[in-house]
N, C-alpha and C. Protein backbone atom coordinates (compact mmCIF):
# COMPACT_ATOMS: atom_id res chain seq x y z
N UNK A 1 36.66 -5.75 -42.19
CA UNK A 1 35.95 -6.98 -42.22
C UNK A 1 34.52 -7.18 -42.25
N UNK A 2 34.22 -8.13 -42.88
CA UNK A 2 32.97 -7.94 -43.42
C UNK A 2 31.74 -8.36 -42.49
N UNK A 3 30.52 -8.15 -43.06
CA UNK A 3 29.70 -7.68 -42.01
C UNK A 3 29.33 -9.44 -41.40
N UNK A 4 29.19 -10.35 -42.36
CA UNK A 4 28.75 -11.63 -42.24
C UNK A 4 30.20 -12.13 -40.49
N UNK A 5 31.25 -11.34 -40.64
CA UNK A 5 32.40 -11.77 -39.69
C UNK A 5 31.81 -11.18 -38.69
N UNK A 6 30.87 -10.03 -38.49
CA UNK A 6 30.89 -8.96 -37.56
C UNK A 6 29.71 -10.09 -36.58
N UNK A 7 28.86 -10.18 -37.62
CA UNK A 7 27.73 -10.99 -37.02
C UNK A 7 28.06 -12.36 -36.58
N UNK A 8 29.12 -13.48 -36.98
CA UNK A 8 29.56 -14.78 -36.58
C UNK A 8 30.07 -14.34 -35.40
N UNK A 9 30.94 -13.53 -35.37
CA UNK A 9 31.93 -13.51 -34.13
C UNK A 9 30.91 -13.46 -33.15
N UNK A 10 29.46 -12.58 -33.25
CA UNK A 10 28.80 -12.64 -32.11
C UNK A 10 28.27 -13.27 -31.85
N UNK A 11 27.82 -14.40 -32.86
CA UNK A 11 26.98 -15.13 -32.68
C UNK A 11 27.49 -16.26 -31.59
N UNK A 12 28.97 -16.51 -32.03
CA UNK A 12 29.57 -18.09 -31.28
C UNK A 12 29.66 -17.17 -30.03
N UNK A 13 29.83 -16.19 -29.42
CA UNK A 13 30.30 -16.24 -28.18
C UNK A 13 29.03 -16.31 -27.14
N UNK A 14 29.83 -17.06 -26.21
CA UNK A 14 28.98 -17.91 -25.36
C UNK A 14 27.64 -16.93 -24.41
N UNK A 15 28.11 -15.73 -24.60
CA UNK A 15 27.18 -15.06 -23.39
C UNK A 15 25.78 -14.35 -24.16
N UNK A 16 26.42 -14.50 -25.74
CA UNK A 16 25.26 -14.27 -26.45
C UNK A 16 23.90 -15.84 -26.80
N UNK A 17 24.76 -16.20 -26.79
CA UNK A 17 23.92 -17.96 -26.81
C UNK A 17 22.57 -17.90 -25.79
N UNK A 18 23.80 -17.61 -24.54
CA UNK A 18 23.09 -17.87 -23.23
C UNK A 18 21.92 -16.32 -23.17
N UNK A 19 22.13 -15.52 -23.49
CA UNK A 19 20.68 -14.73 -23.62
C UNK A 19 19.40 -15.18 -24.08
N UNK A 20 20.19 -15.72 -25.49
CA UNK A 20 18.99 -16.39 -26.40
C UNK A 20 18.19 -17.18 -25.78
N UNK A 21 19.09 -18.15 -24.91
CA UNK A 21 18.36 -19.17 -24.74
C UNK A 21 17.46 -18.86 -23.30
N UNK A 22 17.47 -17.61 -22.26
CA UNK A 22 17.11 -16.90 -21.43
C UNK A 22 15.56 -16.08 -22.09
N UNK A 23 16.07 -15.97 -22.64
CA UNK A 23 14.95 -14.85 -23.26
C UNK A 23 14.06 -16.11 -24.05
N UNK A 24 14.32 -17.19 -24.24
CA UNK A 24 13.00 -18.17 -24.64
C UNK A 24 12.83 -18.64 -23.50
N UNK A 25 13.19 -18.43 -22.43
CA UNK A 25 12.79 -19.50 -20.67
C UNK A 25 11.30 -18.17 -20.58
N UNK A 26 11.88 -16.88 -20.81
CA UNK A 26 11.23 -15.95 -20.59
C UNK A 26 9.77 -16.02 -21.18
N UNK A 27 10.34 -16.33 -22.23
CA UNK A 27 9.12 -16.54 -23.45
C UNK A 27 8.03 -17.30 -23.41
N UNK A 28 8.67 -18.79 -22.07
CA UNK A 28 7.70 -19.34 -21.87
C UNK A 28 6.72 -19.38 -20.83
N UNK A 29 7.57 -19.08 -19.76
CA UNK A 29 7.60 -18.28 -18.52
C UNK A 29 6.06 -17.55 -18.59
N UNK A 30 6.49 -16.46 -19.96
CA UNK A 30 5.37 -15.47 -19.58
C UNK A 30 4.06 -16.27 -20.43
N UNK A 31 4.61 -16.98 -21.33
CA UNK A 31 2.98 -17.54 -21.91
C UNK A 31 2.22 -18.80 -21.07
N UNK A 32 3.23 -19.22 -20.10
CA UNK A 32 2.21 -20.17 -18.97
C UNK A 32 1.45 -19.09 -17.98
N UNK A 33 2.34 -18.17 -17.92
CA UNK A 33 1.45 -17.13 -16.67
C UNK A 33 -0.25 -16.95 -17.59
N UNK A 34 -0.08 -16.53 -18.64
CA UNK A 34 -1.02 -16.06 -19.62
C UNK A 34 -2.23 -16.90 -19.72
N UNK A 35 -1.79 -17.97 -19.74
CA UNK A 35 -2.54 -19.10 -20.00
C UNK A 35 -3.25 -19.49 -18.55
N UNK A 36 -2.25 -19.21 -17.12
CA UNK A 36 -3.32 -19.79 -15.95
C UNK A 36 -3.94 -18.55 -16.10
N UNK A 37 -4.09 -17.38 -16.67
CA UNK A 37 -4.65 -16.01 -16.08
C UNK A 37 -5.95 -16.49 -16.98
N UNK A 38 -5.56 -16.54 -18.17
CA UNK A 38 -7.16 -16.73 -18.96
C UNK A 38 -7.95 -18.00 -18.35
N UNK A 39 -7.17 -19.22 -18.04
CA UNK A 39 -7.62 -20.09 -17.46
C UNK A 39 -9.12 -19.91 -16.24
N UNK A 40 -7.85 -19.17 -15.61
CA UNK A 40 -9.03 -18.55 -13.97
C UNK A 40 -10.18 -17.74 -14.62
N UNK A 41 -10.16 -16.91 -15.82
CA UNK A 41 -11.09 -15.89 -15.64
C UNK A 41 -11.97 -16.76 -16.05
N UNK A 42 -11.64 -17.84 -17.23
CA UNK A 42 -12.78 -18.62 -17.80
C UNK A 42 -13.75 -19.73 -16.60
N UNK A 43 -12.73 -19.83 -15.76
CA UNK A 43 -13.72 -20.53 -14.84
C UNK A 43 -14.26 -19.84 -13.76
N UNK A 44 -14.53 -18.44 -13.90
CA UNK A 44 -15.23 -17.54 -12.77
C UNK A 44 -14.34 -16.77 -11.85
N UNK A 45 -13.25 -17.53 -11.76
CA UNK A 45 -12.25 -16.78 -10.76
C UNK A 45 -11.57 -15.65 -10.77
N UNK A 46 -12.26 -14.67 -11.05
CA UNK A 46 -11.96 -13.48 -11.34
C UNK A 46 -10.77 -12.30 -10.90
N UNK A 47 -11.04 -12.62 -9.64
CA UNK A 47 -9.75 -11.25 -8.88
C UNK A 47 -8.78 -12.84 -9.19
N UNK A 48 -8.68 -13.58 -8.93
CA UNK A 48 -7.43 -14.73 -9.23
C UNK A 48 -6.78 -14.63 -10.68
N UNK A 49 -7.73 -14.16 -11.84
CA UNK A 49 -6.85 -14.29 -12.92
C UNK A 49 -6.36 -12.73 -13.52
N UNK A 50 -7.42 -11.42 -12.53
CA UNK A 50 -6.99 -10.39 -12.44
C UNK A 50 -5.54 -10.15 -11.82
N UNK A 51 -5.12 -10.79 -10.77
CA UNK A 51 -4.17 -11.03 -10.17
C UNK A 51 -3.11 -11.59 -11.09
N UNK A 52 -3.49 -12.74 -11.28
CA UNK A 52 -2.14 -13.21 -12.87
C UNK A 52 -2.07 -12.51 -13.44
N UNK A 53 -2.99 -11.96 -14.34
CA UNK A 53 -3.07 -11.04 -15.64
C UNK A 53 -1.95 -10.16 -15.40
N UNK A 54 -2.09 -9.12 -14.07
CA UNK A 54 -1.01 -8.02 -13.90
C UNK A 54 0.19 -9.00 -13.78
N UNK A 55 0.31 -10.05 -13.01
CA UNK A 55 1.90 -10.60 -13.30
C UNK A 55 2.31 -10.64 -14.68
N UNK A 56 1.41 -11.48 -15.11
CA UNK A 56 1.79 -11.79 -16.73
C UNK A 56 2.12 -10.28 -17.54
N UNK A 57 1.64 -9.23 -17.42
CA UNK A 57 1.95 -8.04 -17.70
C UNK A 57 3.12 -7.06 -17.01
N UNK A 58 3.00 -7.76 -16.21
CA UNK A 58 4.65 -7.42 -15.32
C UNK A 58 5.81 -8.21 -15.79
N UNK A 59 5.84 -9.36 -16.01
CA UNK A 59 7.10 -10.28 -16.71
C UNK A 59 6.63 -10.41 -18.25
N UNK A 60 5.75 -10.09 -19.04
CA UNK A 60 6.06 -9.52 -20.40
C UNK A 60 6.58 -8.62 -20.61
N UNK A 61 6.88 -7.53 -19.73
CA UNK A 61 7.16 -5.88 -19.61
C UNK A 61 8.93 -6.41 -19.85
N UNK A 62 9.17 -7.28 -18.27
CA UNK A 62 10.27 -7.27 -18.27
C UNK A 62 11.32 -8.46 -19.16
N UNK A 63 10.55 -9.05 -19.62
CA UNK A 63 10.67 -9.89 -21.42
C UNK A 63 11.07 -9.44 -21.43
N UNK A 64 10.28 -8.21 -22.64
CA UNK A 64 10.97 -7.42 -23.39
C UNK A 64 11.79 -7.04 -23.37
N UNK A 65 12.34 -5.77 -22.37
CA UNK A 65 13.22 -5.45 -21.83
C UNK A 65 14.46 -6.17 -21.87
N UNK A 66 14.72 -7.51 -21.63
CA UNK A 66 15.62 -8.18 -21.54
C UNK A 66 15.94 -8.52 -23.04
N UNK A 67 15.09 -9.11 -23.85
CA UNK A 67 15.73 -9.15 -25.36
C UNK A 67 16.09 -7.89 -25.64
N UNK A 68 15.36 -6.82 -25.62
CA UNK A 68 16.03 -5.53 -25.74
C UNK A 68 17.47 -5.38 -25.76
N UNK A 69 17.56 -5.46 -24.69
CA UNK A 69 18.89 -5.13 -23.96
C UNK A 69 19.94 -5.83 -24.60
N UNK A 70 19.31 -7.01 -23.94
CA UNK A 70 20.88 -8.56 -23.94
C UNK A 70 20.51 -9.28 -25.50
N UNK A 71 19.71 -8.91 -26.37
CA UNK A 71 20.14 -9.84 -27.58
C UNK A 71 19.76 -8.63 -28.63
N UNK A 72 18.82 -7.84 -28.73
CA UNK A 72 18.48 -7.14 -29.90
C UNK A 72 19.61 -5.69 -30.07
N UNK A 73 20.21 -5.27 -29.45
CA UNK A 73 20.94 -3.85 -28.88
C UNK A 73 22.05 -4.59 -29.04
N UNK A 74 22.70 -5.48 -28.86
CA UNK A 74 23.96 -5.56 -28.55
C UNK A 74 24.17 -6.55 -30.20
N UNK A 75 23.02 -6.79 -30.73
CA UNK A 75 23.43 -7.65 -32.43
C UNK A 75 23.55 -6.04 -33.24
N UNK A 76 23.11 -5.31 -32.78
CA UNK A 76 22.70 -4.15 -33.62
C UNK A 76 24.55 -3.67 -33.43
N UNK A 77 25.26 -3.40 -32.58
CA UNK A 77 26.13 -3.05 -32.38
C UNK A 77 27.23 -4.04 -32.33
N UNK A 78 27.21 -4.79 -33.19
CA UNK A 78 28.00 -6.13 -33.47
C UNK A 78 28.00 -6.28 -34.83
N UNK A 79 26.83 -5.54 -35.42
CA UNK A 79 26.99 -5.70 -36.96
C UNK A 79 27.63 -4.05 -37.90
N UNK A 80 27.82 -3.02 -36.70
CA UNK A 80 28.54 -2.04 -37.40
C UNK A 80 27.86 -1.70 -38.58
N UNK A 81 26.66 -0.96 -38.31
CA UNK A 81 26.15 -0.59 -40.10
C UNK A 81 26.38 0.99 -40.50
N UNK A 82 27.40 1.62 -39.73
CA UNK A 82 27.60 2.90 -39.87
C UNK A 82 29.45 2.34 -40.72
N UNK A 83 29.85 0.89 -40.89
CA UNK A 83 31.16 0.66 -41.27
C UNK A 83 31.24 0.91 -42.57
N UNK A 84 32.08 1.56 -43.80
CA UNK A 84 32.47 1.85 -44.82
C UNK A 84 31.71 0.43 -45.72
N UNK A 85 32.43 -0.40 -45.27
CA UNK A 85 32.59 -2.15 -45.97
C UNK A 85 30.90 -1.57 -46.75
N UNK A 86 29.98 -1.51 -45.78
CA UNK A 86 28.64 -1.62 -46.40
C UNK A 86 28.18 -0.88 -47.50
N UNK A 87 28.63 0.11 -47.50
CA UNK A 87 28.74 0.70 -49.13
C UNK A 87 29.51 0.39 -50.25
N UNK A 88 30.82 -0.10 -50.01
CA UNK A 88 31.38 -0.20 -50.64
C UNK A 88 30.81 -1.59 -51.47
N UNK A 89 30.50 -2.32 -50.69
CA UNK A 89 29.90 -3.83 -51.67
C UNK A 89 28.86 -3.59 -52.43
N UNK A 90 27.76 -2.60 -52.37
CA UNK A 90 26.67 -1.80 -53.11
C UNK A 90 27.88 -1.72 -54.26
N UNK A 91 28.34 -0.66 -53.75
CA UNK A 91 28.96 0.34 -55.15
C UNK A 91 29.40 -0.99 -56.15
N UNK A 92 30.20 -2.31 -55.88
CA UNK A 92 30.64 -2.82 -56.64
C UNK A 92 30.19 -3.70 -57.76
N UNK A 93 28.88 -3.86 -57.24
CA UNK A 93 27.89 -5.02 -57.74
C UNK A 93 26.82 -3.77 -58.83
N UNK A 94 26.52 -4.56 -59.31
CA UNK A 94 25.64 -4.38 -60.60
C UNK A 94 23.87 -5.43 -60.84
N UNK A 95 23.26 -4.63 -60.98
CA UNK A 95 21.95 -5.48 -61.46
C UNK A 95 21.17 -5.97 -60.08
N UNK A 96 20.68 -6.84 -60.24
CA UNK A 96 19.75 -7.57 -58.95
C UNK A 96 20.84 -7.31 -58.03
N UNK A 97 22.02 -7.89 -57.75
CA UNK A 97 22.53 -8.31 -56.53
C UNK A 97 23.02 -6.70 -56.18
N UNK A 98 23.11 -5.53 -56.77
CA UNK A 98 23.10 -4.34 -56.13
C UNK A 98 21.76 -3.67 -55.79
N UNK A 99 20.92 -3.73 -56.27
CA UNK A 99 19.70 -4.00 -55.35
C UNK A 99 18.95 -4.18 -54.06
N UNK A 100 19.90 -6.11 -54.19
CA UNK A 100 19.12 -6.79 -52.73
C UNK A 100 20.77 -6.05 -51.74
N UNK A 101 21.53 -5.82 -52.26
CA UNK A 101 22.32 -5.14 -51.46
C UNK A 101 22.03 -3.80 -50.58
N UNK A 102 21.77 -3.03 -51.64
CA UNK A 102 21.32 -1.38 -51.50
C UNK A 102 19.84 -1.91 -50.09
N UNK A 103 19.08 -3.06 -50.74
CA UNK A 103 17.70 -3.22 -49.44
C UNK A 103 18.25 -3.88 -48.29
N UNK A 104 19.66 -4.51 -48.11
CA UNK A 104 19.89 -5.30 -46.97
C UNK A 104 20.77 -3.94 -46.07
N UNK A 105 21.29 -3.20 -46.75
CA UNK A 105 21.98 -1.79 -46.05
C UNK A 105 20.80 -1.10 -45.57
N UNK A 106 19.74 -0.82 -46.17
CA UNK A 106 18.39 -0.05 -46.11
C UNK A 106 18.29 -0.63 -44.56
N UNK A 107 17.41 -1.77 -44.63
CA UNK A 107 16.89 -2.59 -43.75
C UNK A 107 18.21 -2.51 -42.00
N UNK A 108 19.05 -2.45 -42.38
CA UNK A 108 19.87 -2.86 -40.89
C UNK A 108 19.69 -1.47 -40.68
N UNK A 109 20.31 -0.53 -41.37
CA UNK A 109 20.50 1.08 -41.42
C UNK A 109 19.25 1.88 -40.52
N UNK A 110 18.19 1.12 -40.71
CA UNK A 110 16.41 1.82 -40.27
C UNK A 110 16.48 0.91 -39.40
N UNK A 111 17.11 0.10 -39.21
CA UNK A 111 16.62 -0.51 -37.72
C UNK A 111 15.07 -1.33 -38.27
N UNK A 112 15.14 -1.62 -38.94
CA UNK A 112 14.09 -2.23 -39.51
C UNK A 112 14.22 -3.98 -39.53
N UNK A 113 15.31 -4.29 -39.30
CA UNK A 113 15.40 -5.72 -38.95
C UNK A 113 15.94 -6.16 -37.45
N UNK A 114 15.77 -5.17 -36.98
CA UNK A 114 15.77 -4.91 -35.57
C UNK A 114 14.37 -5.22 -35.26
N UNK A 115 13.33 -4.21 -35.43
CA UNK A 115 12.33 -4.46 -35.48
C UNK A 115 11.48 -5.61 -36.02
N UNK A 116 12.13 -6.35 -37.01
CA UNK A 116 11.10 -7.57 -37.50
C UNK A 116 11.66 -8.56 -36.19
N UNK A 117 12.71 -8.32 -35.72
CA UNK A 117 13.19 -9.38 -34.57
C UNK A 117 12.88 -9.48 -33.17
N UNK A 118 12.51 -7.53 -32.84
CA UNK A 118 11.65 -7.98 -31.94
C UNK A 118 9.98 -8.74 -32.22
N UNK A 119 9.71 -8.19 -33.06
CA UNK A 119 8.31 -9.09 -33.55
C UNK A 119 8.17 -10.53 -34.19
N UNK A 120 9.74 -11.12 -34.24
CA UNK A 120 9.65 -12.23 -34.21
C UNK A 120 9.29 -12.92 -32.99
N UNK A 121 9.95 -12.15 -31.99
CA UNK A 121 9.80 -12.76 -30.61
C UNK A 121 8.74 -12.74 -29.94
N UNK A 122 7.76 -11.82 -30.24
CA UNK A 122 6.81 -11.68 -29.94
C UNK A 122 5.62 -12.62 -30.23
N UNK A 123 5.96 -12.79 -31.59
CA UNK A 123 4.85 -13.65 -32.76
C UNK A 123 5.33 -15.21 -31.91
N UNK A 124 6.32 -15.48 -31.33
CA UNK A 124 7.28 -16.68 -30.86
C UNK A 124 6.41 -16.94 -29.41
N UNK A 125 6.41 -15.89 -28.90
CA UNK A 125 5.71 -16.20 -27.46
C UNK A 125 4.30 -16.18 -27.68
N UNK A 126 3.68 -15.89 -28.87
CA UNK A 126 1.95 -15.81 -29.46
C UNK A 126 1.46 -17.25 -29.32
N UNK A 127 2.64 -18.02 -30.26
CA UNK A 127 2.74 -19.45 -30.49
C UNK A 127 2.81 -21.27 -29.57
N UNK A 128 4.11 -19.61 -28.45
CA UNK A 128 3.71 -20.72 -26.94
C UNK A 128 2.21 -20.47 -26.60
N UNK A 129 2.09 -19.35 -26.38
CA UNK A 129 0.66 -19.27 -25.82
C UNK A 129 -0.08 -19.98 -26.24
N UNK A 130 -0.66 -20.38 -27.71
CA UNK A 130 -1.71 -21.18 -27.85
C UNK A 130 -1.54 -22.27 -27.82
N UNK A 131 -0.06 -22.89 -27.57
CA UNK A 131 0.07 -24.16 -27.69
C UNK A 131 -0.47 -24.65 -26.08
N UNK A 132 -0.27 -24.13 -24.96
CA UNK A 132 0.20 -24.07 -23.54
C UNK A 132 -1.55 -23.89 -23.27
N UNK A 133 -2.80 -23.05 -24.02
CA UNK A 133 -3.61 -22.76 -24.16
C UNK A 133 -4.52 -24.19 -24.25
N UNK A 134 -4.04 -24.36 -25.61
CA UNK A 134 -4.52 -25.74 -25.75
C UNK A 134 -4.61 -27.30 -25.09
N UNK A 135 -3.37 -27.15 -24.74
CA UNK A 135 -2.98 -28.47 -23.80
C UNK A 135 -3.59 -28.40 -22.30
N UNK A 136 -4.32 -26.83 -21.66
CA UNK A 136 -4.35 -26.75 -20.75
C UNK A 136 -6.30 -27.46 -20.84
């Protein structure tokens, strides 16, 4: 079975789509709580701002763990990077195609792809936070 078939099968499962949507909801919730804490601190309500910021840290930790456990780690398992097909395809290509294929295999096997996925999630949360902060 080819890599894209592993990934497509994983993406089409209902629970994966639900997990991605839940992680987006967690991100929005964390961003709203962060914005509320910054607004309270700016208005001089330090106790309320600190308490809400502690709630934000707690929620963002849970959110990050949720994304790692339910989205990124299952995606890693679905791709089966130890499958011998990964190396077979690179061996059958030549030139730039072979170089790009070797780069893809390296990025997935060394978990760089998943690290960048998590960083994309964090950057998305940052954008939502900035948007909410502008509207407040």
